[in-house]
Amino acid sequence: MLQLTPHHRLLLAVEPVDFRRGIDGLAACCNIDLSENPQSGTVFIFANKRKTAVKILVYDGHGYWLCHRRFSKGKLKWWPTSHLHYEISAADLNVLLYQGNPEFASIGKPFKKVRS
């Protein structure tokens, strides 16, 4: 089971990726396109061009997890458009995965940061 907590760093890859890519292709995208180490423990979130699906890639120290969510109906309501990547919180990712807009979600700020 993959559990996302406030300790995790989550990055949305702004540019859409080809969803025929698997773990190795997405890890290469992290290295080359995002200039990030795919084995850093960062959770990488990718969307396809039509925004009808999301892939999540994370390395946990033993191997990679690759999660794929295809929406049965509709598509993402929000996705960032600037920069190479966009950092979000675990709570924001939940809003995003339910086809919401994290920028307008009423989520309370954490009382105290849990990472430096």
PDB file of N, CA and C in Angstrom:
ATOM      1  N   MET A   1       0.838  -1.170   0.000  1.00  0.00           N
ATOM      2  CA  MET A   1       0.000   0.000   0.000  1.00  0.00           C
ATOM      3  C   MET A   1       0.886   1.237   0.000  1.00  0.00           C
ATOM      4  N   LEU A   2       0.506   2.193  -0.769  1.00  0.00           N
ATOM      5  CA  LEU A   2       1.224   3.454  -0.865  1.00  0.00           C
ATOM      6  C   LEU A   2       0.450   4.502  -0.084  1.00  0.00           C
ATOM      7  N   GLN A   3       1.094   5.077   0.925  1.00  0.00           N
ATOM      8  CA  GLN A   3       0.440   6.096   1.741  1.00  0.00           C
ATOM      9  C   GLN A   3       1.204   7.401   1.609  1.00  0.00           C
ATOM     10  N   LEU A   4       0.504   8.470   1.281  1.00  0.00           N
ATOM     11  CA  LEU A   4       1.114   9.783   1.148  1.00  0.00           C
ATOM     12  C   LEU A   4       0.816  10.599   2.387  1.00  0.00           C
ATOM     13  N   THR A   5       1.860  11.183   2.952  1.00  0.00           N
ATOM     14  CA  THR A   5       1.739  11.969   4.171  1.00  0.00           C
ATOM     15  C   THR A   5       2.324  13.364   3.944  1.00  0.00           C
ATOM     16  N   PRO A   6       2.161  14.261   4.904  1.00  0.00           N
ATOM     17  CA  PRO A   6       2.770  15.587   4.759  1.00  0.00           C
ATOM     18  C   PRO A   6       4.294  15.549   4.645  1.00  0.00           C
ATOM     19  N   HIS A   7       4.924  14.431   5.005  1.00  0.00           N
ATOM     20  CA  HIS A   7       6.374  14.299   4.903  1.00  0.00           C
ATOM     21  C   HIS A   7       6.837  14.179   3.455  1.00  0.00           C
ATOM     22  N   HIS A   8       5.975  13.735   2.586  1.00  0.00           N
ATOM     23  CA  HIS A   8       6.358  13.503   1.194  1.00  0.00           C
ATOM     24  C   HIS A   8       6.440  14.803   0.403  1.00  0.00           C
ATOM     25  N   ARG A   9       7.353  14.823  -0.528  1.00  0.00           N
ATOM     26  CA  ARG A   9       7.437  15.917  -1.501  1.00  0.00           C
ATOM     27  C   ARG A   9       6.732  15.428  -2.750  1.00  0.00           C
ATOM     28  N   LEU A  10       5.745  16.173  -3.218  1.00  0.00           N
ATOM     29  CA  LEU A  10       4.963  15.792  -4.388  1.00  0.00           C
ATOM     30  C   LEU A  10       5.155  16.820  -5.491  1.00  0.00           C
ATOM     31  N   LEU A  11       5.527  16.344  -6.683  1.00  0.00           N
ATOM     32  CA  LEU A  11       5.739  17.229  -7.822  1.00  0.00           C
ATOM     33  C   LEU A  11       4.843  16.827  -8.977  1.00  0.00           C
ATOM     34  N   LEU A  12       4.106  17.795  -9.506  1.00  0.00           N
ATOM     35  CA  LEU A  12       3.347  17.581 -10.733  1.00  0.00           C
ATOM     36  C   LEU A  12       4.249  17.930 -11.898  1.00  0.00           C
ATOM     37  N   ALA A  13       4.376  17.034 -12.867  1.00  0.00           N
ATOM     38  CA  ALA A  13       5.091  17.344 -14.103  1.00  0.00           C
ATOM     39  C   ALA A  13       4.117  18.114 -14.981  1.00  0.00           C
ATOM     40  N   VAL A  14       4.405  19.359 -15.266  1.00  0.00           N
ATOM     41  CA  VAL A  14       3.459  20.237 -15.954  1.00  0.00           C
ATOM     42  C   VAL A  14       3.184  19.763 -17.377  1.00  0.00           C
ATOM     43  N   GLU A  15       4.230  19.404 -18.118  1.00  0.00           N
ATOM     44  CA  GLU A  15       4.052  18.959 -19.507  1.00  0.00           C
ATOM     45  C   GLU A  15       3.442  17.555 -19.538  1.00  0.00           C
ATOM     46  N   PRO A  16       2.490  17.308 -20.438  1.00  0.00           N
ATOM     47  CA  PRO A  16       1.910  15.970 -20.533  1.00  0.00           C
ATOM     48  C   PRO A  16       2.946  14.954 -21.016  1.00  0.00           C
ATOM     49  N   VAL A  17       2.757  13.699 -20.610  1.00  0.00           N
ATOM     50  CA  VAL A  17       3.665  12.634 -21.031  1.00  0.00           C
ATOM     51  C   VAL A  17       2.890  11.573 -21.807  1.00  0.00           C
ATOM     52  N   ASP A  18       3.623  10.822 -22.596  1.00  0.00           N
ATOM     53  CA  ASP A  18       3.070   9.705 -23.342  1.00  0.00           C
ATOM     54  C   ASP A  18       2.818   8.565 -22.358  1.00  0.00           C
ATOM     55  N   PHE A  19       1.576   8.160 -22.205  1.00  0.00           N
ATOM     56  CA  PHE A  19       1.244   7.138 -21.212  1.00  0.00           C
ATOM     57  C   PHE A  19       1.599   5.722 -21.648  1.00  0.00           C
ATOM     58  N   ARG A  20       2.229   5.570 -22.794  1.00  0.00           N
ATOM     59  CA  ARG A  20       2.797   4.271 -23.139  1.00  0.00           C
ATOM     60  C   ARG A  20       4.085   4.044 -22.368  1.00  0.00           C
ATOM     61  N   ARG A  21       4.617   5.113 -21.773  1.00  0.00           N
ATOM     62  CA  ARG A  21       5.824   4.994 -20.952  1.00  0.00           C
ATOM     63  C   ARG A  21       5.521   4.230 -19.677  1.00  0.00           C
ATOM     64  N   GLY A  22       6.457   3.395 -19.294  1.00  0.00           N
ATOM     65  CA  GLY A  22       6.356   2.663 -18.042  1.00  0.00           C
ATOM     66  C   GLY A  22       7.260   3.283 -16.998  1.00  0.00           C
ATOM     67  N   ILE A  23       7.691   2.477 -16.049  1.00  0.00           N
ATOM     68  CA  ILE A  23       8.524   2.961 -14.957  1.00  0.00           C
ATOM     69  C   ILE A  23       9.822   3.567 -15.470  1.00  0.00           C
ATOM     70  N   ASP A  24      10.533   2.851 -16.334  1.00  0.00           N
ATOM     71  CA  ASP A  24      11.821   3.346 -16.812  1.00  0.00           C
ATOM     72  C   ASP A  24      11.676   4.633 -17.615  1.00  0.00           C
ATOM     73  N   GLY A  25      10.658   4.720 -18.450  1.00  0.00           N
ATOM     74  CA  GLY A  25      10.439   5.916 -19.250  1.00  0.00           C
ATOM     75  C   GLY A  25      10.080   7.124 -18.394  1.00  0.00           C
ATOM     76  N   LEU A  26       9.258   6.913 -17.373  1.00  0.00           N
ATOM     77  CA  LEU A  26       8.887   8.015 -16.486  1.00  0.00           C
ATOM     78  C   LEU A  26      10.057   8.421 -15.587  1.00  0.00           C
ATOM     79  N   ALA A  27      10.862   7.438 -15.152  1.00  0.00           N
ATOM     80  CA  ALA A  27      12.052   7.764 -14.358  1.00  0.00           C
ATOM     81  C   ALA A  27      13.030   8.586 -15.194  1.00  0.00           C
ATOM     82  N   ALA A  28      13.164   8.255 -16.478  1.00  0.00           N
ATOM     83  CA  ALA A  28      14.013   9.039 -17.376  1.00  0.00           C
ATOM     84  C   ALA A  28      13.462  10.456 -17.532  1.00  0.00           C
ATOM     85  N   CYS A  29      12.158  10.580 -17.595  1.00  0.00           N
ATOM     86  CA  CYS A  29      11.516  11.902 -17.676  1.00  0.00           C
ATOM     87  C   CYS A  29      11.842  12.731 -16.428  1.00  0.00           C
ATOM     88  N   CYS A  30      11.842  12.092 -15.259  1.00  0.00           N
ATOM     89  CA  CYS A  30      12.198  12.790 -14.021  1.00  0.00           C
ATOM     90  C   CYS A  30      13.625  13.318 -14.108  1.00  0.00           C
ATOM     91  N   ASN A  31      14.547  12.456 -14.549  1.00  0.00           N
ATOM     92  CA  ASN A  31      15.961  12.832 -14.659  1.00  0.00           C
ATOM     93  C   ASN A  31      16.197  13.904 -15.705  1.00  0.00           C
ATOM     94  N   ILE A  32      15.726  13.668 -16.910  1.00  0.00           N
ATOM     95  CA  ILE A  32      16.059  14.520 -18.057  1.00  0.00           C
ATOM     96  C   ILE A  32      15.205  15.778 -18.100  1.00  0.00           C
ATOM     97  N   ASP A  33      13.892  15.617 -18.077  1.00  0.00           N
ATOM     98  CA  ASP A  33      12.991  16.755 -18.259  1.00  0.00           C
ATOM     99  C   ASP A  33      12.827  17.606 -17.004  1.00  0.00           C
ATOM    100  N   LEU A  34      12.763  16.963 -15.840  1.00  0.00           N
ATOM    101  CA  LEU A  34      12.498  17.688 -14.601  1.00  0.00           C
ATOM    102  C   LEU A  34      13.758  17.977 -13.792  1.00  0.00           C
ATOM    103  N   SER A  35      14.889  17.387 -14.188  1.00  0.00           N
ATOM    104  CA  SER A  35      16.159  17.531 -13.455  1.00  0.00           C
ATOM    105  C   SER A  35      16.014  17.136 -11.991  1.00  0.00           C
ATOM    106  N   GLU A  36      15.282  16.053 -11.758  1.00  0.00           N
ATOM    107  CA  GLU A  36      15.054  15.532 -10.413  1.00  0.00           C
ATOM    108  C   GLU A  36      15.478  14.071 -10.367  1.00  0.00           C
ATOM    109  N   ASN A  37      15.980  13.624  -9.229  1.00  0.00           N
ATOM    110  CA  ASN A  37      16.375  12.229  -9.055  1.00  0.00           C
ATOM    111  C   ASN A  37      15.129  11.394  -8.784  1.00  0.00           C
ATOM    112  N   PRO A  38      14.797  10.436  -9.662  1.00  0.00           N
ATOM    113  CA  PRO A  38      13.582   9.644  -9.439  1.00  0.00           C
ATOM    114  C   PRO A  38      13.671   8.726  -8.220  1.00  0.00           C
ATOM    115  N   GLN A  39      14.880   8.497  -7.681  1.00  0.00           N
ATOM    116  CA  GLN A  39      15.043   7.649  -6.504  1.00  0.00           C
ATOM    117  C   GLN A  39      15.183   8.455  -5.218  1.00  0.00           C
ATOM    118  N   SER A  40      14.753   9.703  -5.242  1.00  0.00           N
ATOM    119  CA  SER A  40      14.869  10.584  -4.076  1.00  0.00           C
ATOM    120  C   SER A  40      13.748  10.392  -3.059  1.00  0.00           C
ATOM    121  N   GLY A  41      12.716   9.653  -3.425  1.00  0.00           N
ATOM    122  CA  GLY A  41      11.552   9.514  -2.557  1.00  0.00           C
ATOM    123  C   GLY A  41      10.464  10.518  -2.877  1.00  0.00           C
ATOM    124  N   THR A  42      10.748  11.430  -3.793  1.00  0.00           N
ATOM    125  CA  THR A  42       9.740  12.388  -4.247  1.00  0.00           C
ATOM    126  C   THR A  42       8.652  11.643  -5.007  1.00  0.00           C
ATOM    127  N   VAL A  43       7.425  12.062  -4.831  1.00  0.00           N
ATOM    128  CA  VAL A  43       6.289  11.486  -5.551  1.00  0.00           C
ATOM    129  C   VAL A  43       6.068  12.342  -6.799  1.00  0.00           C
ATOM    130  N   PHE A  44       6.175  11.708  -7.966  1.00  0.00           N
ATOM    131  CA  PHE A  44       6.016  12.408  -9.235  1.00  0.00           C
ATOM    132  C   PHE A  44       4.649  12.091  -9.822  1.00  0.00           C
ATOM    133  N   ILE A  45       3.920  13.123 -10.219  1.00  0.00           N
ATOM    134  CA  ILE A  45       2.583  12.957 -10.776  1.00  0.00           C
ATOM    135  C   ILE A  45       2.591  13.463 -12.212  1.00  0.00           C
ATOM    136  N   PHE A  46       2.119  12.623 -13.122  1.00  0.00           N
ATOM    137  CA  PHE A  46       2.092  12.934 -14.549  1.00  0.00           C
ATOM    138  C   PHE A  46       0.657  12.852 -15.055  1.00  0.00           C
ATOM    139  N   ALA A  47       0.345  13.635 -16.073  1.00  0.00           N
ATOM    140  CA  ALA A  47      -0.964  13.577 -16.726  1.00  0.00           C
ATOM    141  C   ALA A  47      -0.747  13.330 -18.215  1.00  0.00           C
ATOM    142  N   ASN A  48      -1.749  12.725 -18.843  1.00  0.00           N
ATOM    143  CA  ASN A  48      -1.679  12.556 -20.299  1.00  0.00           C
ATOM    144  C   ASN A  48      -2.163  13.842 -20.971  1.00  0.00           C
ATOM    145  N   LYS A  49      -2.031  13.896 -22.286  1.00  0.00           N
ATOM    146  CA  LYS A  49      -2.340  15.116 -23.027  1.00  0.00           C
ATOM    147  C   LYS A  49      -3.800  15.543 -22.881  1.00  0.00           C
ATOM    148  N   ARG A  50      -4.718  14.576 -22.879  1.00  0.00           N
ATOM    149  CA  ARG A  50      -6.148  14.907 -22.791  1.00  0.00           C
ATOM    150  C   ARG A  50      -6.622  15.123 -21.352  1.00  0.00           C
ATOM    151  N   LYS A  51      -5.727  14.905 -20.389  1.00  0.00           N
ATOM    152  CA  LYS A  51      -6.036  15.071 -18.951  1.00  0.00           C
ATOM    153  C   LYS A  51      -7.140  14.122 -18.481  1.00  0.00           C
ATOM    154  N   THR A  52      -7.188  12.935 -19.093  1.00  0.00           N
ATOM    155  CA  THR A  52      -8.171  11.932 -18.699  1.00  0.00           C
ATOM    156  C   THR A  52      -7.575  10.858 -17.792  1.00  0.00           C
ATOM    157  N   ALA A  53      -6.277  10.969 -17.502  1.00  0.00           N
ATOM    158  CA  ALA A  53      -5.619   9.976 -16.656  1.00  0.00           C
ATOM    159  C   ALA A  53      -4.405  10.591 -15.973  1.00  0.00           C
ATOM    160  N   VAL A  54      -4.002   9.975 -14.868  1.00  0.00           N
ATOM    161  CA  VAL A  54      -2.861  10.412 -14.079  1.00  0.00           C
ATOM    162  C   VAL A  54      -2.015   9.188 -13.752  1.00  0.00           C
ATOM    163  N   LYS A  55      -0.691   9.349 -13.789  1.00  0.00           N
ATOM    164  CA  LYS A  55       0.235   8.315 -13.326  1.00  0.00           C
ATOM    165  C   LYS A  55       1.070   8.904 -12.201  1.00  0.00           C
ATOM    166  N   ILE A  56       1.302   8.087 -11.178  1.00  0.00           N
ATOM    167  CA  ILE A  56       2.094   8.497 -10.025  1.00  0.00           C
ATOM    168  C   ILE A  56       3.277   7.540  -9.913  1.00  0.00           C
ATOM    169  N   LEU A  57       4.478   8.103  -9.841  1.00  0.00           N
ATOM    170  CA  LEU A  57       5.704   7.312  -9.734  1.00  0.00           C
ATOM    171  C   LEU A  57       6.433   7.704  -8.460  1.00  0.00           C
ATOM    172  N   VAL A  58       6.824   6.704  -7.668  1.00  0.00           N
ATOM    173  CA  VAL A  58       7.600   6.975  -6.455  1.00  0.00           C
ATOM    174  C   VAL A  58       8.515   5.783  -6.184  1.00  0.00           C
ATOM    175  N   TYR A  59       9.692   6.086  -5.685  1.00  0.00           N
ATOM    176  CA  TYR A  59      10.655   5.067  -5.283  1.00  0.00           C
ATOM    177  C   TYR A  59      10.668   5.015  -3.762  1.00  0.00           C
ATOM    178  N   ASP A  60      10.524   3.804  -3.184  1.00  0.00           N
ATOM    179  CA  ASP A  60      10.415   3.687  -1.725  1.00  0.00           C
ATOM    180  C   ASP A  60      11.656   3.106  -1.048  1.00  0.00           C
ATOM    181  N   GLY A  61      12.760   2.988  -1.780  1.00  0.00           N
ATOM    182  CA  GLY A  61      13.973   2.429  -1.201  1.00  0.00           C
ATOM    183  C   GLY A  61      14.183   0.973  -1.579  1.00  0.00           C
ATOM    184  N   HIS A  62      13.115   0.287  -1.962  1.00  0.00           N
ATOM    185  CA  HIS A  62      13.199  -1.110  -2.385  1.00  0.00           C
ATOM    186  C   HIS A  62      12.852  -1.269  -3.852  1.00  0.00           C
ATOM    187  N   GLY A  63      12.101  -0.353  -4.370  1.00  0.00           N
ATOM    188  CA  GLY A  63      11.666  -0.419  -5.763  1.00  0.00           C
ATOM    189  C   GLY A  63      10.700   0.715  -6.061  1.00  0.00           C
ATOM    190  N   TYR A  64      10.253   0.722  -7.299  1.00  0.00           N
ATOM    191  CA  TYR A  64       9.323   1.764  -7.753  1.00  0.00           C
ATOM    192  C   TYR A  64       7.878   1.321  -7.585  1.00  0.00           C
ATOM    193  N   TRP A  65       7.029   2.286  -7.278  1.00  0.00           N
ATOM    194  CA  TRP A  65       5.581   2.131  -7.343  1.00  0.00           C
ATOM    195  C   TRP A  65       5.118   2.939  -8.543  1.00  0.00           C
ATOM    196  N   LEU A  66       4.258   2.361  -9.355  1.00  0.00           N
ATOM    197  CA  LEU A  66       3.646   3.090 -10.459  1.00  0.00           C
ATOM    198  C   LEU A  66       2.142   2.897 -10.350  1.00  0.00           C
ATOM    199  N   CYS A  67       1.442   3.988 -10.115  1.00  0.00           N
ATOM    200  CA  CYS A  67      -0.020   3.957  -9.990  1.00  0.00           C
ATOM    201  C   CYS A  67      -0.607   4.683 -11.191  1.00  0.00           C
ATOM    202  N   HIS A  68      -1.671   4.134 -11.734  1.00  0.00           N
ATOM    203  CA  HIS A  68      -2.335   4.721 -12.900  1.00  0.00           C
ATOM    204  C   HIS A  68      -3.809   4.889 -12.564  1.00  0.00           C
ATOM    205  N   ARG A  69      -4.293   6.102 -12.725  1.00  0.00           N
ATOM    206  CA  ARG A  69      -5.728   6.349 -12.512  1.00  0.00           C
ATOM    207  C   ARG A  69      -6.300   6.929 -13.793  1.00  0.00           C
ATOM    208  N   ARG A  70      -7.261   6.209 -14.355  1.00  0.00           N
ATOM    209  CA  ARG A  70      -7.985   6.700 -15.531  1.00  0.00           C
ATOM    210  C   ARG A  70      -9.390   7.047 -15.059  1.00  0.00           C
ATOM    211  N   PHE A  71      -9.824   8.257 -15.393  1.00  0.00           N
ATOM    212  CA  PHE A  71     -11.140   8.701 -14.959  1.00  0.00           C
ATOM    213  C   PHE A  71     -12.215   8.033 -15.816  1.00  0.00           C
ATOM    214  N   SER A  72     -13.229   7.493 -15.170  1.00  0.00           N
ATOM    215  CA  SER A  72     -14.320   6.829 -15.889  1.00  0.00           C
ATOM    216  C   SER A  72     -15.123   7.820 -16.712  1.00  0.00           C
ATOM    217  N   LYS A  73     -15.205   9.041 -16.220  1.00  0.00           N
ATOM    218  CA  LYS A  73     -15.978  10.076 -16.897  1.00  0.00           C
ATOM    219  C   LYS A  73     -15.312  11.421 -16.642  1.00  0.00           C
ATOM    220  N   GLY A  74     -15.188  12.213 -17.661  1.00  0.00           N
ATOM    221  CA  GLY A  74     -14.615  13.544 -17.496  1.00  0.00           C
ATOM    222  C   GLY A  74     -13.095  13.540 -17.502  1.00  0.00           C
ATOM    223  N   LYS A  75     -12.542  14.663 -17.054  1.00  0.00           N
ATOM    224  CA  LYS A  75     -11.096  14.812 -17.010  1.00  0.00           C
ATOM    225  C   LYS A  75     -10.716  15.772 -15.902  1.00  0.00           C
ATOM    226  N   LEU A  76      -9.414  15.984 -15.736  1.00  0.00           N
ATOM    227  CA  LEU A  76      -8.941  16.891 -14.701  1.00  0.00           C
ATOM    228  C   LEU A  76      -9.492  18.291 -14.922  1.00  0.00           C
ATOM    229  N   LYS A  77      -9.980  18.890 -13.869  1.00  0.00           N
ATOM    230  CA  LYS A  77     -10.503  20.251 -13.958  1.00  0.00           C
ATOM    231  C   LYS A  77      -9.380  21.279 -13.891  1.00  0.00           C
ATOM    232  N   TRP A  78      -8.246  20.891 -13.288  1.00  0.00           N
ATOM    233  CA  TRP A  78      -7.147  21.818 -13.088  1.00  0.00           C
ATOM    234  C   TRP A  78      -5.818  21.099 -13.291  1.00  0.00           C
ATOM    235  N   TRP A  79      -4.878  21.787 -13.894  1.00  0.00           N
ATOM    236  CA  TRP A  79      -3.495  21.320 -14.011  1.00  0.00           C
ATOM    237  C   TRP A  79      -2.634  22.564 -14.213  1.00  0.00           C
ATOM    238  N   PRO A  80      -1.482  22.650 -13.563  1.00  0.00           N
ATOM    239  CA  PRO A  80      -0.655  23.850 -13.721  1.00  0.00           C
ATOM    240  C   PRO A  80      -0.173  24.016 -15.163  1.00  0.00           C
ATOM    241  N   THR A  81       0.136  25.246 -15.536  1.00  0.00           N
ATOM    242  CA  THR A  81       0.553  25.507 -16.913  1.00  0.00           C
ATOM    243  C   THR A  81       1.932  26.135 -17.014  1.00  0.00           C
ATOM    244  N   SER A  82       2.505  26.566 -15.910  1.00  0.00           N
ATOM    245  CA  SER A  82       3.822  27.202 -15.990  1.00  0.00           C
ATOM    246  C   SER A  82       4.858  26.375 -15.230  1.00  0.00           C
ATOM    247  N   HIS A  83       6.111  26.620 -15.523  1.00  0.00           N
ATOM    248  CA  HIS A  83       7.258  25.937 -14.914  1.00  0.00           C
ATOM    249  C   HIS A  83       7.365  24.500 -15.419  1.00  0.00           C
ATOM    250  N   LEU A  84       8.443  23.824 -15.049  1.00  0.00           N
ATOM    251  CA  LEU A  84       8.627  22.417 -15.406  1.00  0.00           C
ATOM    252  C   LEU A  84       7.835  21.510 -14.481  1.00  0.00           C
ATOM    253  N   HIS A  85       7.814  21.879 -13.203  1.00  0.00           N
ATOM    254  CA  HIS A  85       7.071  21.088 -12.228  1.00  0.00           C
ATOM    255  C   HIS A  85       6.433  22.023 -11.212  1.00  0.00           C
ATOM    256  N   TYR A  86       5.474  21.490 -10.502  1.00  0.00           N
ATOM    257  CA  TYR A  86       4.664  22.270  -9.565  1.00  0.00           C
ATOM    258  C   TYR A  86       4.536  21.448  -8.299  1.00  0.00           C
ATOM    259  N   GLU A  87       4.938  21.995  -7.162  1.00  0.00           N
ATOM    260  CA  GLU A  87       4.881  21.249  -5.911  1.00  0.00           C
ATOM    261  C   GLU A  87       3.510  21.411  -5.258  1.00  0.00           C
ATOM    262  N   ILE A  88       2.945  20.290  -4.805  1.00  0.00           N
ATOM    263  CA  ILE A  88       1.651  20.308  -4.122  1.00  0.00           C
ATOM    264  C   ILE A  88       1.739  19.489  -2.839  1.00  0.00           C
ATOM    265  N   SER A  89       0.712  19.575  -2.018  1.00  0.00           N
ATOM    266  CA  SER A  89       0.644  18.796  -0.779  1.00  0.00           C
ATOM    267  C   SER A  89      -0.149  17.515  -1.025  1.00  0.00           C
ATOM    268  N   ALA A  90      -0.074  16.604  -0.069  1.00  0.00           N
ATOM    269  CA  ALA A  90      -0.832  15.348  -0.165  1.00  0.00           C
ATOM    270  C   ALA A  90      -2.337  15.631  -0.187  1.00  0.00           C
ATOM    271  N   ALA A  91      -2.780  16.616   0.579  1.00  0.00           N
ATOM    272  CA  ALA A  91      -4.205  16.981   0.587  1.00  0.00           C
ATOM    273  C   ALA A  91      -4.624  17.534  -0.774  1.00  0.00           C
ATOM    274  N   ASP A  92      -3.760  18.364  -1.373  1.00  0.00           N
ATOM    275  CA  ASP A  92      -4.054  18.900  -2.703  1.00  0.00           C
ATOM    276  C   ASP A  92      -4.144  17.795  -3.747  1.00  0.00           C
ATOM    277  N   LEU A  93      -3.290  16.772  -3.612  1.00  0.00           N
ATOM    278  CA  LEU A  93      -3.339  15.655  -4.564  1.00  0.00           C
ATOM    279  C   LEU A  93      -4.671  14.924  -4.473  1.00  0.00           C
ATOM    280  N   ASN A  94      -5.183  14.751  -3.267  1.00  0.00           N
ATOM    281  CA  ASN A  94      -6.492  14.103  -3.121  1.00  0.00           C
ATOM    282  C   ASN A  94      -7.579  14.892  -3.833  1.00  0.00           C
ATOM    283  N   VAL A  95      -7.553  16.202  -3.698  1.00  0.00           N
ATOM    284  CA  VAL A  95      -8.532  17.050  -4.387  1.00  0.00           C
ATOM    285  C   VAL A  95      -8.380  16.874  -5.898  1.00  0.00           C
ATOM    286  N   LEU A  96      -7.145  16.909  -6.372  1.00  0.00           N
ATOM    287  CA  LEU A  96      -6.862  16.771  -7.799  1.00  0.00           C
ATOM    288  C   LEU A  96      -7.356  15.428  -8.338  1.00  0.00           C
ATOM    289  N   LEU A  97      -7.118  14.343  -7.593  1.00  0.00           N
ATOM    290  CA  LEU A  97      -7.519  13.011  -8.052  1.00  0.00           C
ATOM    291  C   LEU A  97      -9.033  12.829  -8.091  1.00  0.00           C
ATOM    292  N   TYR A  98      -9.760  13.677  -7.373  1.00  0.00           N
ATOM    293  CA  TYR A  98     -11.217  13.650  -7.436  1.00  0.00           C
ATOM    294  C   TYR A  98     -11.740  14.742  -8.364  1.00  0.00           C
ATOM    295  N   GLN A  99     -10.882  15.152  -9.304  1.00  0.00           N
ATOM    296  CA  GLN A  99     -11.212  16.087 -10.377  1.00  0.00           C
ATOM    297  C   GLN A  99     -11.603  17.468  -9.866  1.00  0.00           C
ATOM    298  N   GLY A 100     -10.988  17.866  -8.758  1.00  0.00           N
ATOM    299  CA  GLY A 100     -11.222  19.192  -8.215  1.00  0.00           C
ATOM    300  C   GLY A 100     -10.057  20.122  -8.503  1.00  0.00           C
ATOM    301  N   ASN A 101     -10.166  21.344  -8.059  1.00  0.00           N
ATOM    302  CA  ASN A 101      -9.132  22.348  -8.226  1.00  0.00           C
ATOM    303  C   ASN A 101      -8.541  22.661  -6.855  1.00  0.00           C
ATOM    304  N   PRO A 102      -7.299  22.223  -6.596  1.00  0.00           N
ATOM    305  CA  PRO A 102      -6.708  22.461  -5.276  1.00  0.00           C
ATOM    306  C   PRO A 102      -6.508  23.942  -4.941  1.00  0.00           C
ATOM    307  N   GLU A 103      -6.454  24.798  -5.953  1.00  0.00           N
ATOM    308  CA  GLU A 103      -6.278  26.225  -5.685  1.00  0.00           C
ATOM    309  C   GLU A 103      -7.519  26.841  -5.046  1.00  0.00           C
ATOM    310  N   PHE A 104      -8.674  26.219  -5.257  1.00  0.00           N
ATOM    311  CA  PHE A 104      -9.916  26.749  -4.696  1.00  0.00           C
ATOM    312  C   PHE A 104     -10.480  25.882  -3.563  1.00  0.00           C
ATOM    313  N   ALA A 105      -9.790  24.810  -3.227  1.00  0.00           N
ATOM    314  CA  ALA A 105     -10.255  23.931  -2.156  1.00  0.00           C
ATOM    315  C   ALA A 105     -10.032  24.605  -0.803  1.00  0.00           C
ATOM    316  N   SER A 106     -10.948  24.391   0.090  1.00  0.00           N
ATOM    317  CA  SER A 106     -10.850  24.969   1.421  1.00  0.00           C
ATOM    318  C   SER A 106     -10.194  23.958   2.360  1.00  0.00           C
ATOM    319  N   ILE A 107      -8.867  23.893   2.277  1.00  0.00           N
ATOM    320  CA  ILE A 107      -8.094  22.967   3.101  1.00  0.00           C
ATOM    321  C   ILE A 107      -7.285  23.805   4.080  1.00  0.00           C
ATOM    322  N   GLY A 108      -7.407  23.483   5.347  1.00  0.00           N
ATOM    323  CA  GLY A 108      -6.664  24.227   6.369  1.00  0.00           C
ATOM    324  C   GLY A 108      -5.164  24.026   6.238  1.00  0.00           C
ATOM    325  N   LYS A 109      -4.435  25.046   6.578  1.00  0.00           N
ATOM    326  CA  LYS A 109      -2.963  24.964   6.556  1.00  0.00           C
ATOM    327  C   LYS A 109      -2.501  24.150   7.754  1.00  0.00           C
ATOM    328  N   PRO A 110      -1.389  23.402   7.609  1.00  0.00           N
ATOM    329  CA  PRO A 110      -0.880  22.632   8.751  1.00  0.00           C
ATOM    330  C   PRO A 110      -0.468  23.540   9.905  1.00  0.00           C
ATOM    331  N   PHE A 111      -0.661  23.054  11.113  1.00  0.00           N
ATOM    332  CA  PHE A 111      -0.285  23.812  12.289  1.00  0.00           C
ATOM    333  C   PHE A 111       1.226  24.009  12.342  1.00  0.00           C
ATOM    334  N   LYS A 112       1.954  22.953  11.953  1.00  0.00           N
ATOM    335  CA  LYS A 112       3.408  22.980  12.028  1.00  0.00           C
ATOM    336  C   LYS A 112       3.968  22.162  10.880  1.00  0.00           C
ATOM    337  N   LYS A 113       5.012  22.658  10.229  1.00  0.00           N
ATOM    338  CA  LYS A 113       5.646  21.908   9.143  1.00  0.00           C
ATOM    339  C   LYS A 113       6.337  20.679   9.726  1.00  0.00           C
ATOM    340  N   VAL A 114       6.293  19.569   8.984  1.00  0.00           N
ATOM    341  CA  VAL A 114       6.908  18.341   9.477  1.00  0.00           C
ATOM    342  C   VAL A 114       8.221  18.023   8.786  1.00  0.00           C
ATOM    343  N   ARG A 115       8.633  18.825   7.836  1.00  0.00           N
ATOM    344  CA  ARG A 115       9.936  18.627   7.199  1.00  0.00           C
ATOM    345  C   ARG A 115      10.598  19.997   7.046  1.00  0.00           C
ATOM    346  N   SER A 116      11.893  19.969   6.910  1.00  0.00           N
ATOM    347  CA  SER A 116      12.626  21.243   6.809  1.00  0.00           C
ATOM    348  C   SER A 116      12.685  21.749   5.398  1.00  0.00           C
TER     349      SER A 116
END
